[in-house]
C-alpha atoms as a PDB file:
ATOM      1  CA  UNK A   1     -29.723  37.031  31.192  1.00  0.00           C
ATOM      2  CA  UNK A   2     -27.074  37.535  29.297  1.00  0.00           C
ATOM      3  CA  UNK A   3     -26.693  39.151  26.103  1.00  0.00           C
ATOM      4  CA  UNK A   4     -25.311  36.353  23.249  1.00  0.00           C
ATOM      5  CA  UNK A   5     -23.723  37.755  20.200  1.00  0.00           C
ATOM      6  CA  UNK A   6     -24.848  35.987  17.066  1.00  0.00           C
ATOM      7  CA  UNK A   7     -21.405  33.834  15.736  1.00  0.00           C
ATOM      8  CA  UNK A   8     -21.825  35.710  12.433  1.00  0.00           C
ATOM      9  CA  UNK A   9     -22.061  39.522  13.886  1.00  0.00           C
ATOM     10  CA  UNK A  10     -19.071  38.596  16.046  1.00  0.00           C
ATOM     11  CA  UNK A  11     -17.036  37.087  12.941  1.00  0.00           C
ATOM     12  CA  UNK A  12     -17.805  40.029  10.867  1.00  0.00           C
ATOM     13  CA  UNK A  13     -16.319  42.725  13.878  1.00  0.00           C
ATOM     14  CA  UNK A  14     -13.308  40.586  13.888  1.00  0.00           C
ATOM     15  CA  UNK A  15     -13.323  41.188  10.125  1.00  0.00           C
ATOM     16  CA  UNK A  16     -13.694  44.704  10.196  1.00  0.00           C
ATOM     17  CA  UNK A  17     -11.581  45.549  12.930  1.00  0.00           C
ATOM     18  CA  UNK A  18      -8.986  43.784  11.011  1.00  0.00           C
ATOM     19  CA  UNK A  19      -9.175  45.468   7.975  1.00  0.00           C
ATOM     20  CA  UNK A  20      -9.146  48.698   9.748  1.00  0.00           C
ATOM     21  CA  UNK A  21      -5.877  47.910  10.750  1.00  0.00           C
ATOM     22  CA  UNK A  22      -5.017  46.792   7.209  1.00  0.00           C
ATOM     23  CA  UNK A  23      -5.090  43.541   6.863  1.00  0.00           C
ATOM     24  CA  UNK A  24      -5.272  42.062   3.668  1.00  0.00           C
ATOM     25  CA  UNK A  25      -6.779  38.827   4.203  1.00  0.00           C
ATOM     26  CA  UNK A  26      -9.478  40.440   5.694  1.00  0.00           C
ATOM     27  CA  UNK A  27      -9.796  42.592   2.745  1.00  0.00           C
ATOM     28  CA  UNK A  28     -10.267  39.782   0.626  1.00  0.00           C
ATOM     29  CA  UNK A  29     -12.486  37.927   2.990  1.00  0.00           C
ATOM     30  CA  UNK A  30     -15.137  41.031   2.939  1.00  0.00           C
ATOM     31  CA  UNK A  31     -14.889  41.541  -0.728  1.00  0.00           C
ATOM     32  CA  UNK A  32     -15.787  37.447  -1.283  1.00  0.00           C
ATOM     33  CA  UNK A  33     -18.382  38.097   1.161  1.00  0.00           C
ATOM     34  CA  UNK A  34     -19.912  41.511  -0.454  1.00  0.00           C
ATOM     35  CA  UNK A  35     -19.076  41.756  -4.067  1.00  0.00           C
ATOM     36  CA  UNK A  36     -21.743  39.403  -5.114  1.00  0.00           C
ATOM     37  CA  UNK A  37     -24.239  41.589  -3.126  1.00  0.00           C
ATOM     38  CA  UNK A  38     -22.651  44.800  -4.678  1.00  0.00           C
ATOM     39  CA  UNK A  39     -22.521  43.667  -8.525  1.00  0.00           C
ATOM     40  CA  UNK A  40     -26.424  42.557  -8.086  1.00  0.00           C
ATOM     41  CA  UNK A  41     -27.565  45.860  -6.933  1.00  0.00           C
ATOM     42  CA  UNK A  42     -25.398  47.764  -9.220  1.00  0.00           C
ATOM     43  CA  UNK A  43     -26.715  45.875 -12.316  1.00  0.00           C
ATOM     44  CA  UNK A  44     -30.055  46.628 -10.949  1.00  0.00           C
ATOM     45  CA  UNK A  45     -29.824  49.670 -12.433  1.00  0.00           C
ATOM     46  CA  UNK A  46     -29.009  48.412 -15.714  1.00  0.00           C
ATOM     47  CA  UNK A  47     -25.456  49.745 -16.376  1.00  0.00           C
ATOM     48  CA  UNK A  48     -22.992  48.429 -18.509  1.00  0.00           C
ATOM     49  CA  UNK A  49     -20.988  45.586 -17.611  1.00  0.00           C
ATOM     50  CA  UNK A  50     -18.032  48.558 -17.218  1.00  0.00           C
ATOM     51  CA  UNK A  51     -20.054  50.761 -15.603  1.00  0.00           C
ATOM     52  CA  UNK A  52     -21.145  48.203 -12.878  1.00  0.00           C
ATOM     53  CA  UNK A  53     -17.396  47.261 -12.297  1.00  0.00           C
ATOM     54  CA  UNK A  54     -16.813  51.243 -12.012  1.00  0.00           C
ATOM     55  CA  UNK A  55     -19.642  51.536  -9.502  1.00  0.00           C
ATOM     56  CA  UNK A  56     -18.649  48.117  -7.374  1.00  0.00           C
ATOM     57  CA  UNK A  57     -14.820  49.451  -7.398  1.00  0.00           C
ATOM     58  CA  UNK A  58     -15.614  52.984  -6.570  1.00  0.00           C
ATOM     59  CA  UNK A  59     -17.868  51.438  -3.824  1.00  0.00           C
ATOM     60  CA  UNK A  60     -14.862  49.405  -2.333  1.00  0.00           C
ATOM     61  CA  UNK A  61     -12.794  52.546  -2.353  1.00  0.00           C
ATOM     62  CA  UNK A  62     -14.947  54.292  -0.478  1.00  0.00           C
ATOM     63  CA  UNK A  63     -15.484  51.608   2.397  1.00  0.00           C
ATOM     64  CA  UNK A  64     -11.370  51.620   2.406  1.00  0.00           C
ATOM     65  CA  UNK A  65     -11.298  55.357   2.955  1.00  0.00           C
ATOM     66  CA  UNK A  66     -13.936  55.537   5.470  1.00  0.00           C
ATOM     67  CA  UNK A  67     -13.419  52.000   7.208  1.00  0.00           C
ATOM     68  CA  UNK A  68     -12.734  53.512  10.594  1.00  0.00           C
ATOM     69  CA  UNK A  69     -16.208  55.502  10.648  1.00  0.00           C
ATOM     70  CA  UNK A  70     -18.438  52.570  10.624  1.00  0.00           C
ATOM     71  CA  UNK A  71     -19.253  52.019  14.375  1.00  0.00           C
ATOM     72  CA  UNK A  72     -21.257  49.127  13.780  1.00  0.00           C
ATOM     73  CA  UNK A  73     -20.019  46.354  11.739  1.00  0.00           C
ATOM     74  CA  UNK A  74     -23.341  44.402  11.426  1.00  0.00           C
ATOM     75  CA  UNK A  75     -24.290  47.641   9.126  1.00  0.00           C
ATOM     76  CA  UNK A  76     -22.032  47.461   6.896  1.00  0.00           C
ATOM     77  CA  UNK A  77     -23.621  45.586   3.872  1.00  0.00           C
ATOM     78  CA  UNK A  78     -26.308  48.328   4.532  1.00  0.00           C
ATOM     79  CA  UNK A  79     -23.458  50.756   4.149  1.00  0.00           C
ATOM     80  CA  UNK A  80     -22.272  49.141   1.368  1.00  0.00           C
ATOM     81  CA  UNK A  81     -25.422  48.643  -0.618  1.00  0.00           C
ATOM     82  CA  UNK A  82     -26.356  52.531  -0.175  1.00  0.00           C
ATOM     83  CA  UNK A  83     -22.985  53.410  -1.449  1.00  0.00           C
ATOM     84  CA  UNK A  84     -23.093  51.324  -4.530  1.00  0.00           C
ATOM     85  CA  UNK A  85     -26.275  52.407  -5.326  1.00  0.00           C
ATOM     86  CA  UNK A  86     -25.300  56.285  -4.992  1.00  0.00           C
ATOM     87  CA  UNK A  87     -22.053  55.158  -7.008  1.00  0.00           C
ATOM     88  CA  UNK A  88     -24.612  53.424  -9.863  1.00  0.00           C
ATOM     89  CA  UNK A  89     -26.511  56.707  -9.882  1.00  0.00           C
ATOM     90  CA  UNK A  90     -23.515  59.163 -10.131  1.00  0.00           C
ATOM     91  CA  UNK A  91     -22.601  56.706 -13.290  1.00  0.00           C
ATOM     92  CA  UNK A  92     -25.905  57.042 -14.674  1.00  0.00           C
ATOM     93  CA  UNK A  93     -26.053  61.010 -14.355  1.00  0.00           C
ATOM     94  CA  UNK A  94     -22.212  61.404 -15.769  1.00  0.00           C
ATOM     95  CA  UNK A  95     -23.236  62.559 -18.709  1.00  0.00           C
ATOM     96  CA  UNK A  96     -25.008  65.634 -17.491  1.00  0.00           C
ATOM     97  CA  UNK A  97     -22.396  68.203 -17.419  1.00  0.00           C
ATOM     98  CA  UNK A  98     -22.327  71.955 -16.349  1.00  0.00           C
ATOM     99  CA  UNK A  99     -21.493  74.614 -18.693  1.00  0.00           C
ATOM    100  CA  UNK A 100     -20.406  77.917 -17.153  1.00  0.00           C
ATOM    101  CA  UNK A 101     -21.267  80.848 -19.007  1.00  0.00           C
ATOM    102  CA  UNK A 102     -21.911  84.193 -18.255  1.00  0.00           C
ATOM    103  CA  UNK A 103     -24.410  84.703 -20.728  1.00  0.00           C
ATOM    104  CA  UNK A 104     -27.687  85.587 -18.562  1.00  0.00           C
ATOM    105  CA  UNK A 105     -30.165  84.822 -21.602  1.00  0.00           C
ATOM    106  CA  UNK A 106     -28.577  81.304 -21.803  1.00  0.00           C
ATOM    107  CA  UNK A 107     -28.774  80.603 -18.340  1.00  0.00           C
ATOM    108  CA  UNK A 108     -32.479  81.483 -18.102  1.00  0.00           C
ATOM    109  CA  UNK A 109     -33.433  80.058 -21.772  1.00  0.00           C
ATOM    110  CA  UNK A 110     -31.872  76.664 -21.014  1.00  0.00           C
ATOM    111  CA  UNK A 111     -33.284  76.428 -17.187  1.00  0.00           C
ATOM    112  CA  UNK A 112     -36.427  74.075 -17.483  1.00  0.00           C
ATOM    113  CA  UNK A 113     -38.185  74.434 -14.101  1.00  0.00           C
ATOM    114  CA  UNK A 114     -39.031  71.176 -12.483  1.00  0.00           C
ATOM    115  CA  UNK A 115     -36.219  69.099 -13.725  1.00  0.00           C
ATOM    116  CA  UNK A 116     -35.319  68.139 -10.248  1.00  0.00           C
ATOM    117  CA  UNK A 117     -38.631  67.269  -9.075  1.00  0.00           C
ATOM    118  CA  UNK A 118     -39.078  65.277 -12.311  1.00  0.00           C
ATOM    119  CA  UNK A 119     -36.098  63.211 -11.794  1.00  0.00           C
ATOM    120  CA  UNK A 120     -36.839  62.634  -7.748  1.00  0.00           C
ATOM    121  CA  UNK A 121     -40.795  61.394  -9.311  1.00  0.00           C
ATOM    122  CA  UNK A 122     -38.872  59.275 -11.510  1.00  0.00           C
ATOM    123  CA  UNK A 123     -35.921  57.636  -8.560  1.00  0.00           C
ATOM    124  CA  UNK A 124     -39.323  57.462  -6.774  1.00  0.00           C
ATOM    125  CA  UNK A 125     -41.126  55.429  -9.459  1.00  0.00           C
ATOM    126  CA  UNK A 126     -38.139  52.873  -9.835  1.00  0.00           C
ATOM    127  CA  UNK A 127     -37.807  52.421  -6.322  1.00  0.00           C
ATOM    128  CA  UNK A 128     -41.339  51.693  -5.671  1.00  0.00           C
ATOM    129  CA  UNK A 129     -41.862  49.491  -8.335  1.00  0.00           C
ATOM    130  CA  UNK A 130     -38.632  47.613  -7.252  1.00  0.00           C
ATOM    131  CA  UNK A 131     -40.120  47.411  -4.099  1.00  0.00           C
ATOM    132  CA  UNK A 132     -43.737  46.202  -5.104  1.00  0.00           C
ATOM    133  CA  UNK A 133     -42.209  43.691  -6.768  1.00  0.00           C
ATOM    134  CA  UNK A 134     -41.322  41.889  -3.918  1.00  0.00           C
ATOM    135  CA  UNK A 135     -44.365  41.546  -2.483  1.00  0.00           C
ATOM    136  CA  UNK A 136     -46.355  38.748  -2.686  1.00  0.00           C
ATOM    137  CA  UNK A 137     -49.134  38.661  -5.682  1.00  0.00           C
ATOM    138  CA  UNK A 138     -52.128  38.964  -4.204  1.00  0.00           C
ATOM    139  CA  UNK A 139     -50.555  41.918  -2.533  1.00  0.00           C
ATOM    140  CA  UNK A 140     -48.846  43.547  -5.247  1.00  0.00           C
ATOM    141  CA  UNK A 141     -52.026  43.563  -7.134  1.00  0.00           C
ATOM    142  CA  UNK A 142     -54.393  44.970  -4.243  1.00  0.00           C
ATOM    143  CA  UNK A 143     -51.729  48.127  -3.765  1.00  0.00           C
ATOM    144  CA  UNK A 144     -51.418  48.871  -7.292  1.00  0.00           C
ATOM    145  CA  UNK A 145     -55.141  48.294  -7.878  1.00  0.00           C
ATOM    146  CA  UNK A 146     -55.522  51.286  -4.830  1.00  0.00           C
ATOM    147  CA  UNK A 147     -52.537  53.231  -6.110  1.00  0.00           C
ATOM    148  CA  UNK A 148     -54.023  53.801  -9.466  1.00  0.00           C
ATOM    149  CA  UNK A 149     -57.888  53.830  -8.293  1.00  0.00           C
ATOM    150  CA  UNK A 150     -57.807  55.499  -5.165  1.00  0.00           C
ATOM    151  CA  UNK A 151     -61.952  55.956  -5.556  1.00  0.00           C
ATOM    152  CA  UNK A 152     -62.612  52.465  -5.843  1.00  0.00           C
ATOM    153  CA  UNK A 153     -64.513  51.090  -3.658  1.00  0.00           C
ATOM    154  CA  UNK A 154     -64.214  47.877  -1.628  1.00  0.00           C
ATOM    155  CA  UNK A 155     -66.797  45.987  -3.576  1.00  0.00           C
ATOM    156  CA  UNK A 156     -65.142  47.052  -6.982  1.00  0.00           C
ATOM    157  CA  UNK A 157     -61.932  45.873  -5.960  1.00  0.00           C
ATOM    158  CA  UNK A 158     -63.564  42.566  -5.264  1.00  0.00           C
ATOM    159  CA  UNK A 159     -64.828  42.088  -8.138  1.00  0.00           C
ATOM    160  CA  UNK A 160     -61.464  43.265  -9.722  1.00  0.00           C
ATOM    161  CA  UNK A 161     -59.148  41.028  -7.941  1.00  0.00           C
ATOM    162  CA  UNK A 162     -61.799  37.937  -7.362  1.00  0.00           C
ATOM    163  CA  UNK A 163     -60.981  38.325  -3.336  1.00  0.00           C
ATOM    164  CA  UNK A 164     -63.437  38.461  -0.516  1.00  0.00           C
ATOM    165  CA  UNK A 165     -64.100  42.093   0.670  1.00  0.00           C
ATOM    166  CA  UNK A 166     -63.117  41.606   4.409  1.00  0.00           C
ATOM    167  CA  UNK A 167     -59.787  40.035   3.070  1.00  0.00           C
ATOM    168  CA  UNK A 168     -59.032  43.491   1.388  1.00  0.00           C
ATOM    169  CA  UNK A 169     -58.035  45.492   4.620  1.00  0.00           C
ATOM    170  CA  UNK A 170     -55.749  43.039   6.042  1.00  0.00           C
ATOM    171  CA  UNK A 171     -54.155  42.313   2.889  1.00  0.00           C
ATOM    172  CA  UNK A 172     -53.531  46.067   2.316  1.00  0.00           C
ATOM    173  CA  UNK A 173     -52.241  46.310   5.937  1.00  0.00           C
ATOM    174  CA  UNK A 174     -49.807  43.358   5.248  1.00  0.00           C
ATOM    175  CA  UNK A 175     -48.592  44.868   2.031  1.00  0.00           C
ATOM    176  CA  UNK A 176     -48.388  48.466   3.714  1.00  0.00           C
ATOM    177  CA  UNK A 177     -45.974  46.658   6.605  1.00  0.00           C
ATOM    178  CA  UNK A 178     -43.891  45.062   4.091  1.00  0.00           C
ATOM    179  CA  UNK A 179     -43.117  48.250   1.973  1.00  0.00           C
ATOM    180  CA  UNK A 180     -42.284  50.169   5.006  1.00  0.00           C
ATOM    181  CA  UNK A 181     -39.340  47.522   6.128  1.00  0.00           C
ATOM    182  CA  UNK A 182     -38.136  47.540   2.789  1.00  0.00           C
ATOM    183  CA  UNK A 183     -34.817  49.205   2.991  1.00  0.00           C
ATOM    184  CA  UNK A 184     -34.363  50.837  -0.637  1.00  0.00           C
ATOM    185  CA  UNK A 185     -37.865  52.881   0.014  1.00  0.00           C
ATOM    186  CA  UNK A 186     -36.882  53.611   3.725  1.00  0.00           C
ATOM    187  CA  UNK A 187     -33.239  54.900   2.712  1.00  0.00           C
ATOM    188  CA  UNK A 188     -35.228  56.902  -0.137  1.00  0.00           C
ATOM    189  CA  UNK A 189     -37.713  58.703   2.539  1.00  0.00           C
ATOM    190  CA  UNK A 190     -34.985  59.430   4.796  1.00  0.00           C
ATOM    191  CA  UNK A 191     -32.835  60.978   2.282  1.00  0.00           C
ATOM    192  CA  UNK A 192     -35.617  63.396   1.056  1.00  0.00           C
END
């Protein structure tokens, strides 16, 4: 059976190949195709309009610098989304500066143990909240209740959510399966 390539993938591969060769029309078509998505992702970090613009622009610059490294043109949307997320986080953290000093007392007293862990937990919470928001209402409410009250029995969950006991397991499984497919959660898990 011959393999068929989706016409959109063929078009995207041709577009990326042309951009690699320096075709300005191809670059314009790429920006027309993905710019709205990039802006949406950057705005989800609650950046100012200027910072959103900076994150998107930096993402396009990185694509220009690294387009030869993208093996599969169909993965370019994910690559762009990941890059704009990283640029957005970089912009959010730019006010944090390191100040070099040779004073060991200053170094030791200013160190806050667990700051990295706290930042990571905060970022995890934001990503999980966004992922949960994509779930249907019943799955989101069930998974939120189970996460906040892990000792709750099915009978309690049934009464709280007005959900038949026999539905809890399947709804939970469908919700968890959707979360496992959520791109941002998968990226976060892969990075950790």
